[in-house]
């Protein structure tokens, strides 16, 4: 007989679509624990700009740090300082360890987030080479504009240029770094491994108008809650604007405001525009995954989860 694989849930969708609330709802209903699948929430001190959940910092029975939110443990948050580098391979290794511990406790691992590549690495068990960052090469690449980097990538690693998000400068830089340093393709080295889990992938769908409204309201709330002050605090710790973490949506625009390059109103407009663009790219990525079951409300999610867990 074949050994049954452990079951997990993944809640995906574009930014501001309501993934966190749905993840908590399912965790409360089905004895779950959440792993954040968000490449920005791994940074310490970047709370408002990355829309982290508000919870109490805690330590679980394994001595692992987590956040308790509405009675649900959250992992994958505050893993590194903003000036550190954290690869997809490292995140996958961390997440698999946490998931094994959750399963051992008899609970249900629930992946929640919008970083598609993080999710893909876990669900498809991608074999991603662990290559230490070449900081000198990375710094020289970071100085170039995105269009120049994309042109270079298409020339030396056409395979990766077809597979990765070419609007994600950090991802393009990493692909060039690997190609230049190893002479091999970044994406060409990804290989699917043997499946580790049976996964129910739930995608939250909304009209574009509703999603954009939610994004705009969240940006206004972030400014009101202290995004400017949070950014100032990060800079006071000598974190440079050129860091991947500091060039993310929200922090980059507030940086322009703090340097006197634009007004706060203009910064808000830029944040909203960039977030809309990011949401569109997330939707395109997730719509290409045929396994995702798209839902419109929590009742649909609950029903699908019940059937999945009973199988």
C-alpha atoms as a PDB file:
ATOM      1  CA  UNK A   1       0.000   0.000   0.000  1.00  0.00           C
ATOM      2  CA  UNK A   2       1.077   3.546  -0.657  1.00  0.00           C
ATOM      3  CA  UNK A   3       1.837   5.651   2.363  1.00  0.00           C
ATOM      4  CA  UNK A   4      -0.636   8.521   2.739  1.00  0.00           C
ATOM      5  CA  UNK A   5       0.985  11.920   2.548  1.00  0.00           C
ATOM      6  CA  UNK A   6       0.295  14.515   5.261  1.00  0.00           C
ATOM      7  CA  UNK A   7      -2.360  17.050   4.301  1.00  0.00           C
ATOM      8  CA  UNK A   8      -1.813  20.794   4.243  1.00  0.00           C
ATOM      9  CA  UNK A   9      -3.821  23.855   3.206  1.00  0.00           C
ATOM     10  CA  UNK A  10      -2.515  26.822   1.211  1.00  0.00           C
ATOM     11  CA  UNK A  11      -4.429  30.120   1.204  1.00  0.00           C
ATOM     12  CA  UNK A  12      -3.232  32.283  -1.676  1.00  0.00           C
ATOM     13  CA  UNK A  13      -4.214  35.350  -3.651  1.00  0.00           C
ATOM     14  CA  UNK A  14      -3.140  38.927  -4.310  1.00  0.00           C
ATOM     15  CA  UNK A  15      -2.129  41.366  -1.612  1.00  0.00           C
ATOM     16  CA  UNK A  16      -4.981  42.808   0.506  1.00  0.00           C
ATOM     17  CA  UNK A  17      -7.433  40.117  -0.648  1.00  0.00           C
ATOM     18  CA  UNK A  18      -8.164  38.797   2.858  1.00  0.00           C
ATOM     19  CA  UNK A  19      -5.790  35.827   3.061  1.00  0.00           C
ATOM     20  CA  UNK A  20      -4.836  36.425   6.700  1.00  0.00           C
ATOM     21  CA  UNK A  21      -8.432  36.514   7.939  1.00  0.00           C
ATOM     22  CA  UNK A  22      -9.325  33.358   5.999  1.00  0.00           C
ATOM     23  CA  UNK A  23      -6.204  31.570   7.253  1.00  0.00           C
ATOM     24  CA  UNK A  24      -7.088  32.371  10.874  1.00  0.00           C
ATOM     25  CA  UNK A  25     -10.712  31.264  10.313  1.00  0.00           C
ATOM     26  CA  UNK A  26      -9.598  27.894   8.905  1.00  0.00           C
ATOM     27  CA  UNK A  27      -6.965  27.428  11.622  1.00  0.00           C
ATOM     28  CA  UNK A  28      -9.577  27.985  14.323  1.00  0.00           C
ATOM     29  CA  UNK A  29     -12.026  25.597  12.647  1.00  0.00           C
ATOM     30  CA  UNK A  30      -9.603  22.797  11.813  1.00  0.00           C
ATOM     31  CA  UNK A  31      -6.921  22.930  14.518  1.00  0.00           C
ATOM     32  CA  UNK A  32      -4.385  24.606  12.293  1.00  0.00           C
ATOM     33  CA  UNK A  33      -1.172  26.582  12.630  1.00  0.00           C
ATOM     34  CA  UNK A  34      -0.104  29.171  10.072  1.00  0.00           C
ATOM     35  CA  UNK A  35       3.153  29.605   8.175  1.00  0.00           C
ATOM     36  CA  UNK A  36       3.403  33.015   6.504  1.00  0.00           C
ATOM     37  CA  UNK A  37       4.498  32.637   2.879  1.00  0.00           C
ATOM     38  CA  UNK A  38       5.551  36.246   2.381  1.00  0.00           C
ATOM     39  CA  UNK A  39       9.052  37.286   1.364  1.00  0.00           C
ATOM     40  CA  UNK A  40       8.686  40.697   3.068  1.00  0.00           C
ATOM     41  CA  UNK A  41       7.285  39.632   6.418  1.00  0.00           C
ATOM     42  CA  UNK A  42      10.508  37.753   7.171  1.00  0.00           C
ATOM     43  CA  UNK A  43      12.172  41.098   8.041  1.00  0.00           C
ATOM     44  CA  UNK A  44      12.250  42.317  11.632  1.00  0.00           C
ATOM     45  CA  UNK A  45      11.087  45.862  12.299  1.00  0.00           C
ATOM     46  CA  UNK A  46       9.198  46.097   9.013  1.00  0.00           C
ATOM     47  CA  UNK A  47       5.718  45.647  10.426  1.00  0.00           C
ATOM     48  CA  UNK A  48       3.407  48.350   9.096  1.00  0.00           C
ATOM     49  CA  UNK A  49       4.774  48.406   5.554  1.00  0.00           C
ATOM     50  CA  UNK A  50       4.453  44.637   5.143  1.00  0.00           C
ATOM     51  CA  UNK A  51       1.007  44.427   6.791  1.00  0.00           C
ATOM     52  CA  UNK A  52       2.068  41.903   9.430  1.00  0.00           C
ATOM     53  CA  UNK A  53      -0.548  40.419  11.708  1.00  0.00           C
ATOM     54  CA  UNK A  54      -0.690  41.969  15.154  1.00  0.00           C
ATOM     55  CA  UNK A  55      -0.057  39.322  17.768  1.00  0.00           C
ATOM     56  CA  UNK A  56       1.834  38.363  20.872  1.00  0.00           C
ATOM     57  CA  UNK A  57       5.366  37.085  20.378  1.00  0.00           C
ATOM     58  CA  UNK A  58       5.737  33.644  21.893  1.00  0.00           C
ATOM     59  CA  UNK A  59       7.833  30.486  21.926  1.00  0.00           C
ATOM     60  CA  UNK A  60       6.309  27.092  21.175  1.00  0.00           C
ATOM     61  CA  UNK A  61       7.079  23.760  22.834  1.00  0.00           C
ATOM     62  CA  UNK A  62      10.035  23.219  20.501  1.00  0.00           C
ATOM     63  CA  UNK A  63      11.613  26.520  21.532  1.00  0.00           C
ATOM     64  CA  UNK A  64      10.713  28.065  18.188  1.00  0.00           C
ATOM     65  CA  UNK A  65       9.587  31.696  18.007  1.00  0.00           C
ATOM     66  CA  UNK A  66       6.072  32.359  16.774  1.00  0.00           C
ATOM     67  CA  UNK A  67       3.260  34.901  17.026  1.00  0.00           C
ATOM     68  CA  UNK A  68      -0.062  34.130  18.687  1.00  0.00           C
ATOM     69  CA  UNK A  69      -2.918  35.799  16.819  1.00  0.00           C
ATOM     70  CA  UNK A  70      -6.493  35.117  17.931  1.00  0.00           C
ATOM     71  CA  UNK A  71      -5.362  31.836  19.450  1.00  0.00           C
ATOM     72  CA  UNK A  72      -3.524  30.732  16.296  1.00  0.00           C
ATOM     73  CA  UNK A  73       0.253  30.307  16.022  1.00  0.00           C
ATOM     74  CA  UNK A  74       1.925  32.125  13.132  1.00  0.00           C
ATOM     75  CA  UNK A  75       5.415  31.252  11.851  1.00  0.00           C
ATOM     76  CA  UNK A  76       7.625  32.700   9.116  1.00  0.00           C
ATOM     77  CA  UNK A  77       7.535  36.234  10.536  1.00  0.00           C
ATOM     78  CA  UNK A  78      10.541  38.252  11.829  1.00  0.00           C
ATOM     79  CA  UNK A  79      13.158  35.717  10.745  1.00  0.00           C
ATOM     80  CA  UNK A  80      16.029  38.072   9.830  1.00  0.00           C
ATOM     81  CA  UNK A  81      17.246  41.667  10.084  1.00  0.00           C
ATOM     82  CA  UNK A  82      16.497  43.916   7.071  1.00  0.00           C
ATOM     83  CA  UNK A  83      20.151  43.976   5.990  1.00  0.00           C
ATOM     84  CA  UNK A  84      20.442  40.185   5.754  1.00  0.00           C
ATOM     85  CA  UNK A  85      19.920  37.958   2.723  1.00  0.00           C
ATOM     86  CA  UNK A  86      17.470  35.047   2.867  1.00  0.00           C
ATOM     87  CA  UNK A  87      17.126  32.723  -0.103  1.00  0.00           C
ATOM     88  CA  UNK A  88      14.106  30.714  -1.223  1.00  0.00           C
ATOM     89  CA  UNK A  89      16.066  27.556  -0.416  1.00  0.00           C
ATOM     90  CA  UNK A  90      16.566  28.761   3.166  1.00  0.00           C
ATOM     91  CA  UNK A  91      12.882  29.622   3.538  1.00  0.00           C
ATOM     92  CA  UNK A  92      11.853  26.218   2.206  1.00  0.00           C
ATOM     93  CA  UNK A  93      14.147  24.468   4.692  1.00  0.00           C
ATOM     94  CA  UNK A  94      12.734  26.544   7.563  1.00  0.00           C
ATOM     95  CA  UNK A  95       9.107  26.019   6.508  1.00  0.00           C
ATOM     96  CA  UNK A  96       9.480  22.248   6.134  1.00  0.00           C
ATOM     97  CA  UNK A  97      10.943  21.991   9.642  1.00  0.00           C
ATOM     98  CA  UNK A  98       8.056  24.020  11.098  1.00  0.00           C
ATOM     99  CA  UNK A  99       5.475  22.007   9.159  1.00  0.00           C
ATOM    100  CA  UNK A 100       6.945  18.717  10.401  1.00  0.00           C
ATOM    101  CA  UNK A 101       6.654  19.978  13.989  1.00  0.00           C
ATOM    102  CA  UNK A 102       3.041  21.096  13.428  1.00  0.00           C
ATOM    103  CA  UNK A 103       2.114  17.685  11.996  1.00  0.00           C
ATOM    104  CA  UNK A 104       3.875  15.963  14.895  1.00  0.00           C
ATOM    105  CA  UNK A 105       1.606  17.930  17.263  1.00  0.00           C
ATOM    106  CA  UNK A 106      -1.410  16.570  15.398  1.00  0.00           C
ATOM    107  CA  UNK A 107      -2.265  19.949  13.897  1.00  0.00           C
ATOM    108  CA  UNK A 108      -2.858  21.160  10.340  1.00  0.00           C
ATOM    109  CA  UNK A 109      -0.176  23.277   8.592  1.00  0.00           C
ATOM    110  CA  UNK A 110      -1.749  26.210   6.740  1.00  0.00           C
ATOM    111  CA  UNK A 111       0.408  28.208   4.332  1.00  0.00           C
ATOM    112  CA  UNK A 112      -0.848  31.786   3.978  1.00  0.00           C
ATOM    113  CA  UNK A 113       0.664  34.379   1.674  1.00  0.00           C
ATOM    114  CA  UNK A 114       1.169  35.888  -1.731  1.00  0.00           C
ATOM    115  CA  UNK A 115       4.798  35.055  -2.550  1.00  0.00           C
ATOM    116  CA  UNK A 116       4.147  32.522  -5.277  1.00  0.00           C
ATOM    117  CA  UNK A 117       7.707  31.237  -5.540  1.00  0.00           C
ATOM    118  CA  UNK A 118       7.879  30.447  -1.808  1.00  0.00           C
ATOM    119  CA  UNK A 119       4.643  28.481  -2.138  1.00  0.00           C
ATOM    120  CA  UNK A 120       5.803  26.681  -5.279  1.00  0.00           C
ATOM    121  CA  UNK A 121       9.066  25.660  -3.595  1.00  0.00           C
ATOM    122  CA  UNK A 122       7.136  23.882  -0.824  1.00  0.00           C
ATOM    123  CA  UNK A 123       4.123  22.455  -2.660  1.00  0.00           C
ATOM    124  CA  UNK A 124       6.162  21.158  -5.608  1.00  0.00           C
ATOM    125  CA  UNK A 125       9.202  20.348  -3.443  1.00  0.00           C
ATOM    126  CA  UNK A 126      11.482  22.256  -5.803  1.00  0.00           C
ATOM    127  CA  UNK A 127      15.135  21.325  -5.587  1.00  0.00           C
ATOM    128  CA  UNK A 128      16.783  24.730  -5.427  1.00  0.00           C
ATOM    129  CA  UNK A 129      20.585  24.900  -5.183  1.00  0.00           C
ATOM    130  CA  UNK A 130      21.776  26.731  -2.068  1.00  0.00           C
ATOM    131  CA  UNK A 131      24.297  29.262  -3.273  1.00  0.00           C
ATOM    132  CA  UNK A 132      25.735  31.834  -0.889  1.00  0.00           C
ATOM    133  CA  UNK A 133      25.186  35.398  -2.143  1.00  0.00           C
ATOM    134  CA  UNK A 134      28.085  37.081  -3.924  1.00  0.00           C
ATOM    135  CA  UNK A 135      27.770  40.471  -2.235  1.00  0.00           C
ATOM    136  CA  UNK A 136      30.213  42.353  -4.481  1.00  0.00           C
ATOM    137  CA  UNK A 137      28.479  41.140  -7.632  1.00  0.00           C
ATOM    138  CA  UNK A 138      25.062  41.791  -6.119  1.00  0.00           C
ATOM    139  CA  UNK A 139      25.955  45.379  -5.194  1.00  0.00           C
ATOM    140  CA  UNK A 140      27.193  46.129  -8.710  1.00  0.00           C
ATOM    141  CA  UNK A 141      24.004  44.657 -10.198  1.00  0.00           C
ATOM    142  CA  UNK A 142      21.774  46.574  -7.772  1.00  0.00           C
ATOM    143  CA  UNK A 143      23.168  49.861  -9.125  1.00  0.00           C
ATOM    144  CA  UNK A 144      21.786  49.140 -12.612  1.00  0.00           C
ATOM    145  CA  UNK A 145      18.210  49.927 -13.579  1.00  0.00           C
ATOM    146  CA  UNK A 146      15.711  47.120 -14.084  1.00  0.00           C
ATOM    147  CA  UNK A 147      15.499  47.421 -17.886  1.00  0.00           C
ATOM    148  CA  UNK A 148      19.275  46.998 -18.186  1.00  0.00           C
ATOM    149  CA  UNK A 149      19.227  43.979 -15.859  1.00  0.00           C
ATOM    150  CA  UNK A 150      16.402  42.296 -17.785  1.00  0.00           C
ATOM    151  CA  UNK A 151      18.243  42.810 -21.082  1.00  0.00           C
ATOM    152  CA  UNK A 152      21.362  41.227 -19.574  1.00  0.00           C
ATOM    153  CA  UNK A 153      19.383  38.290 -18.160  1.00  0.00           C
ATOM    154  CA  UNK A 154      17.715  37.553 -21.510  1.00  0.00           C
ATOM    155  CA  UNK A 155      21.164  37.421 -23.062  1.00  0.00           C
ATOM    156  CA  UNK A 156      22.970  35.157 -20.572  1.00  0.00           C
ATOM    157  CA  UNK A 157      20.070  33.156 -19.082  1.00  0.00           C
ATOM    158  CA  UNK A 158      17.060  33.073 -21.442  1.00  0.00           C
ATOM    159  CA  UNK A 159      15.500  30.160 -19.528  1.00  0.00           C
ATOM    160  CA  UNK A 160      15.208  32.224 -16.342  1.00  0.00           C
ATOM    161  CA  UNK A 161      13.953  35.252 -18.274  1.00  0.00           C
ATOM    162  CA  UNK A 162      10.956  33.132 -19.336  1.00  0.00           C
ATOM    163  CA  UNK A 163      10.227  31.765 -15.861  1.00  0.00           C
ATOM    164  CA  UNK A 164      10.725  34.526 -13.301  1.00  0.00           C
ATOM    165  CA  UNK A 165       8.904  37.805 -12.661  1.00  0.00           C
ATOM    166  CA  UNK A 166      10.893  40.325 -14.691  1.00  0.00           C
ATOM    167  CA  UNK A 167       9.363  43.226 -12.761  1.00  0.00           C
ATOM    168  CA  UNK A 168      10.834  41.890  -9.527  1.00  0.00           C
ATOM    169  CA  UNK A 169      14.291  43.471  -9.442  1.00  0.00           C
ATOM    170  CA  UNK A 170      15.429  41.348  -6.510  1.00  0.00           C
ATOM    171  CA  UNK A 171      14.563  38.143  -8.393  1.00  0.00           C
ATOM    172  CA  UNK A 172      16.271  39.353 -11.587  1.00  0.00           C
ATOM    173  CA  UNK A 173      19.412  40.294  -9.647  1.00  0.00           C
ATOM    174  CA  UNK A 174      19.496  36.864  -7.994  1.00  0.00           C
ATOM    175  CA  UNK A 175      19.141  35.121 -11.371  1.00  0.00           C
ATOM    176  CA  UNK A 176      22.024  37.157 -12.806  1.00  0.00           C
ATOM    177  CA  UNK A 177      24.100  36.515  -9.711  1.00  0.00           C
ATOM    178  CA  UNK A 178      23.685  32.738 -10.058  1.00  0.00           C
ATOM    179  CA  UNK A 179      24.253  32.758 -13.824  1.00  0.00           C
ATOM    180  CA  UNK A 180      27.385  34.928 -13.579  1.00  0.00           C
ATOM    181  CA  UNK A 181      28.849  33.103 -10.597  1.00  0.00           C
ATOM    182  CA  UNK A 182      28.139  29.488 -11.621  1.00  0.00           C
ATOM    183  CA  UNK A 183      27.757  29.689 -15.383  1.00  0.00           C
ATOM    184  CA  UNK A 184      24.439  27.860 -14.976  1.00  0.00           C
ATOM    185  CA  UNK A 185      20.827  28.911 -15.364  1.00  0.00           C
ATOM    186  CA  UNK A 186      19.060  30.076 -12.193  1.00  0.00           C
ATOM    187  CA  UNK A 187      15.600  28.733 -13.093  1.00  0.00           C
ATOM    188  CA  UNK A 188      17.023  25.943 -15.236  1.00  0.00           C
ATOM    189  CA  UNK A 189      18.290  24.290 -12.048  1.00  0.00           C
ATOM    190  CA  UNK A 190      14.847  24.055 -10.431  1.00  0.00           C
ATOM    191  CA  UNK A 191      13.677  20.465 -10.333  1.00  0.00           C
ATOM    192  CA  UNK A 192      10.468  19.109  -8.877  1.00  0.00           C
ATOM    193  CA  UNK A 193      11.115  16.577  -6.148  1.00  0.00           C
ATOM    194  CA  UNK A 194       8.871  13.835  -4.848  1.00  0.00           C
ATOM    195  CA  UNK A 195       5.646  15.275  -3.445  1.00  0.00           C
ATOM    196  CA  UNK A 196       5.802  15.737   0.335  1.00  0.00           C
ATOM    197  CA  UNK A 197       2.174  16.719   0.996  1.00  0.00           C
ATOM    198  CA  UNK A 198      -1.367  16.463  -0.276  1.00  0.00           C
ATOM    199  CA  UNK A 199      -2.258  20.122  -0.696  1.00  0.00           C
ATOM    200  CA  UNK A 200      -5.568  21.934  -0.958  1.00  0.00           C
ATOM    201  CA  UNK A 201      -4.821  25.293  -2.564  1.00  0.00           C
ATOM    202  CA  UNK A 202      -7.508  27.905  -1.952  1.00  0.00           C
ATOM    203  CA  UNK A 203      -7.382  31.166  -3.890  1.00  0.00           C
ATOM    204  CA  UNK A 204      -9.346  34.241  -2.871  1.00  0.00           C
ATOM    205  CA  UNK A 205     -11.034  35.907  -5.817  1.00  0.00           C
ATOM    206  CA  UNK A 206     -12.428  39.437  -5.898  1.00  0.00           C
ATOM    207  CA  UNK A 207     -13.337  41.981  -8.543  1.00  0.00           C
ATOM    208  CA  UNK A 208     -10.465  44.263  -9.465  1.00  0.00           C
ATOM    209  CA  UNK A 209     -12.450  47.298  -8.285  1.00  0.00           C
ATOM    210  CA  UNK A 210     -12.958  45.820  -4.805  1.00  0.00           C
ATOM    211  CA  UNK A 211      -9.322  44.715  -4.583  1.00  0.00           C
ATOM    212  CA  UNK A 212      -7.987  48.140  -5.573  1.00  0.00           C
ATOM    213  CA  UNK A 213     -10.288  49.791  -3.044  1.00  0.00           C
ATOM    214  CA  UNK A 214      -9.001  47.462  -0.302  1.00  0.00           C
ATOM    215  CA  UNK A 215      -5.413  48.239  -1.305  1.00  0.00           C
ATOM    216  CA  UNK A 216      -5.999  51.998  -1.268  1.00  0.00           C
ATOM    217  CA  UNK A 217      -7.711  51.849   2.122  1.00  0.00           C
ATOM    218  CA  UNK A 218      -4.846  49.805   3.524  1.00  0.00           C
ATOM    219  CA  UNK A 219      -2.251  52.293   2.264  1.00  0.00           C
ATOM    220  CA  UNK A 220      -4.135  55.136   3.968  1.00  0.00           C
ATOM    221  CA  UNK A 221      -4.279  53.059   7.151  1.00  0.00           C
ATOM    222  CA  UNK A 222      -0.541  52.298   6.982  1.00  0.00           C
ATOM    223  CA  UNK A 223       0.313  55.998   6.759  1.00  0.00           C
ATOM    224  CA  UNK A 224      -2.060  56.741   9.628  1.00  0.00           C
ATOM    225  CA  UNK A 225      -0.536  53.940  11.728  1.00  0.00           C
ATOM    226  CA  UNK A 226       3.027  55.238  11.349  1.00  0.00           C
ATOM    227  CA  UNK A 227       4.664  53.976   8.143  1.00  0.00           C
ATOM    228  CA  UNK A 228       6.674  57.210   7.893  1.00  0.00           C
ATOM    229  CA  UNK A 229       7.940  56.824  11.470  1.00  0.00           C
ATOM    230  CA  UNK A 230       8.696  53.127  10.940  1.00  0.00           C
ATOM    231  CA  UNK A 231      10.778  53.972   7.867  1.00  0.00           C
ATOM    232  CA  UNK A 232      12.635  56.722   9.757  1.00  0.00           C
ATOM    233  CA  UNK A 233      13.429  54.237  12.523  1.00  0.00           C
ATOM    234  CA  UNK A 234      14.863  51.750  10.026  1.00  0.00           C
ATOM    235  CA  UNK A 235      17.076  54.418   8.475  1.00  0.00           C
ATOM    236  CA  UNK A 236      18.236  55.532  11.933  1.00  0.00           C
ATOM    237  CA  UNK A 237      19.627  52.000  12.342  1.00  0.00           C
ATOM    238  CA  UNK A 238      21.817  52.611   9.276  1.00  0.00           C
ATOM    239  CA  UNK A 239      19.856  50.344   6.960  1.00  0.00           C
ATOM    240  CA  UNK A 240      20.644  51.624   3.463  1.00  0.00           C
ATOM    241  CA  UNK A 241      18.033  52.564   0.876  1.00  0.00           C
ATOM    242  CA  UNK A 242      19.761  50.226  -1.603  1.00  0.00           C
ATOM    243  CA  UNK A 243      18.909  47.116   0.443  1.00  0.00           C
ATOM    244  CA  UNK A 244      16.312  44.812  -1.180  1.00  0.00           C
ATOM    245  CA  UNK A 245      14.189  45.143   1.960  1.00  0.00           C
ATOM    246  CA  UNK A 246      14.261  48.952   1.869  1.00  0.00           C
ATOM    247  CA  UNK A 247      13.458  49.152  -1.835  1.00  0.00           C
ATOM    248  CA  UNK A 248      10.192  47.269  -1.347  1.00  0.00           C
ATOM    249  CA  UNK A 249       6.782  48.844  -1.946  1.00  0.00           C
ATOM    250  CA  UNK A 250       5.997  51.454   0.680  1.00  0.00           C
ATOM    251  CA  UNK A 251       9.483  51.944   2.075  1.00  0.00           C
ATOM    252  CA  UNK A 252      10.922  53.109  -1.244  1.00  0.00           C
ATOM    253  CA  UNK A 253       8.220  55.753  -1.716  1.00  0.00           C
ATOM    254  CA  UNK A 254       8.374  56.955   1.888  1.00  0.00           C
ATOM    255  CA  UNK A 255      12.133  57.199   1.423  1.00  0.00           C
ATOM    256  CA  UNK A 256      11.574  59.532  -1.525  1.00  0.00           C
ATOM    257  CA  UNK A 257       9.320  61.647   0.706  1.00  0.00           C
ATOM    258  CA  UNK A 258      11.839  61.718   3.567  1.00  0.00           C
ATOM    259  CA  UNK A 259      14.586  62.847   1.181  1.00  0.00           C
ATOM    260  CA  UNK A 260      12.362  65.706   0.010  1.00  0.00           C
ATOM    261  CA  UNK A 261      11.970  64.338  -3.524  1.00  0.00           C
ATOM    262  CA  UNK A 262       8.154  64.096  -3.442  1.00  0.00           C
ATOM    263  CA  UNK A 263       5.261  65.098  -1.189  1.00  0.00           C
ATOM    264  CA  UNK A 264       3.568  62.636   1.166  1.00  0.00           C
ATOM    265  CA  UNK A 265       0.426  62.696  -1.005  1.00  0.00           C
ATOM    266  CA  UNK A 266       2.521  61.796  -4.048  1.00  0.00           C
ATOM    267  CA  UNK A 267       4.218  59.020  -2.080  1.00  0.00           C
ATOM    268  CA  UNK A 268       0.808  57.566  -1.215  1.00  0.00           C
ATOM    269  CA  UNK A 269      -0.217  57.691  -4.890  1.00  0.00           C
ATOM    270  CA  UNK A 270       2.973  55.870  -5.893  1.00  0.00           C
ATOM    271  CA  UNK A 271       2.467  53.196  -3.202  1.00  0.00           C
ATOM    272  CA  UNK A 272      -1.091  52.577  -4.369  1.00  0.00           C
ATOM    273  CA  UNK A 273      -0.038  52.411  -8.033  1.00  0.00           C
ATOM    274  CA  UNK A 274       2.839  50.004  -7.377  1.00  0.00           C
ATOM    275  CA  UNK A 275       0.664  47.822  -5.151  1.00  0.00           C
ATOM    276  CA  UNK A 276      -2.042  47.639  -7.840  1.00  0.00           C
ATOM    277  CA  UNK A 277       0.636  46.540 -10.317  1.00  0.00           C
ATOM    278  CA  UNK A 278       2.000  43.971  -7.868  1.00  0.00           C
ATOM    279  CA  UNK A 279      -1.508  42.588  -7.261  1.00  0.00           C
ATOM    280  CA  UNK A 280      -2.042  42.179 -11.025  1.00  0.00           C
ATOM    281  CA  UNK A 281       1.188  40.203 -11.312  1.00  0.00           C
ATOM    282  CA  UNK A 282       0.212  38.011  -8.359  1.00  0.00           C
ATOM    283  CA  UNK A 283      -3.158  37.285  -9.975  1.00  0.00           C
ATOM    284  CA  UNK A 284      -1.435  36.317 -13.244  1.00  0.00           C
ATOM    285  CA  UNK A 285       0.917  33.964 -11.367  1.00  0.00           C
ATOM    286  CA  UNK A 286      -1.783  32.258  -9.323  1.00  0.00           C
ATOM    287  CA  UNK A 287      -4.244  31.998 -12.249  1.00  0.00           C
ATOM    288  CA  UNK A 288      -1.620  29.914 -14.065  1.00  0.00           C
ATOM    289  CA  UNK A 289      -1.766  27.270 -11.303  1.00  0.00           C
ATOM    290  CA  UNK A 290      -4.577  24.909 -12.288  1.00  0.00           C
ATOM    291  CA  UNK A 291      -4.678  23.181  -8.887  1.00  0.00           C
ATOM    292  CA  UNK A 292      -5.964  26.295  -7.107  1.00  0.00           C
ATOM    293  CA  UNK A 293      -9.645  26.242  -6.198  1.00  0.00           C
ATOM    294  CA  UNK A 294     -10.980  29.795  -6.348  1.00  0.00           C
ATOM    295  CA  UNK A 295     -13.436  30.848  -3.655  1.00  0.00           C
ATOM    296  CA  UNK A 296     -15.526  33.931  -2.923  1.00  0.00           C
ATOM    297  CA  UNK A 297     -16.323  33.449   0.773  1.00  0.00           C
ATOM    298  CA  UNK A 298     -15.320  31.602   3.946  1.00  0.00           C
ATOM    299  CA  UNK A 299     -18.225  29.161   3.663  1.00  0.00           C
ATOM    300  CA  UNK A 300     -16.848  27.823   0.367  1.00  0.00           C
ATOM    301  CA  UNK A 301     -13.394  27.514   1.935  1.00  0.00           C
ATOM    302  CA  UNK A 302     -14.796  25.675   4.951  1.00  0.00           C
ATOM    303  CA  UNK A 303     -16.772  23.216   2.797  1.00  0.00           C
ATOM    304  CA  UNK A 304     -13.810  22.452   0.522  1.00  0.00           C
ATOM    305  CA  UNK A 305     -11.537  21.951   3.533  1.00  0.00           C
ATOM    306  CA  UNK A 306     -13.988  19.561   5.214  1.00  0.00           C
ATOM    307  CA  UNK A 307     -14.208  17.410   2.069  1.00  0.00           C
ATOM    308  CA  UNK A 308     -10.418  17.487   1.569  1.00  0.00           C
ATOM    309  CA  UNK A 309      -9.615  16.439   5.138  1.00  0.00           C
ATOM    310  CA  UNK A 310     -12.240  13.669   5.077  1.00  0.00           C
ATOM    311  CA  UNK A 311     -10.807  12.021   1.952  1.00  0.00           C
END
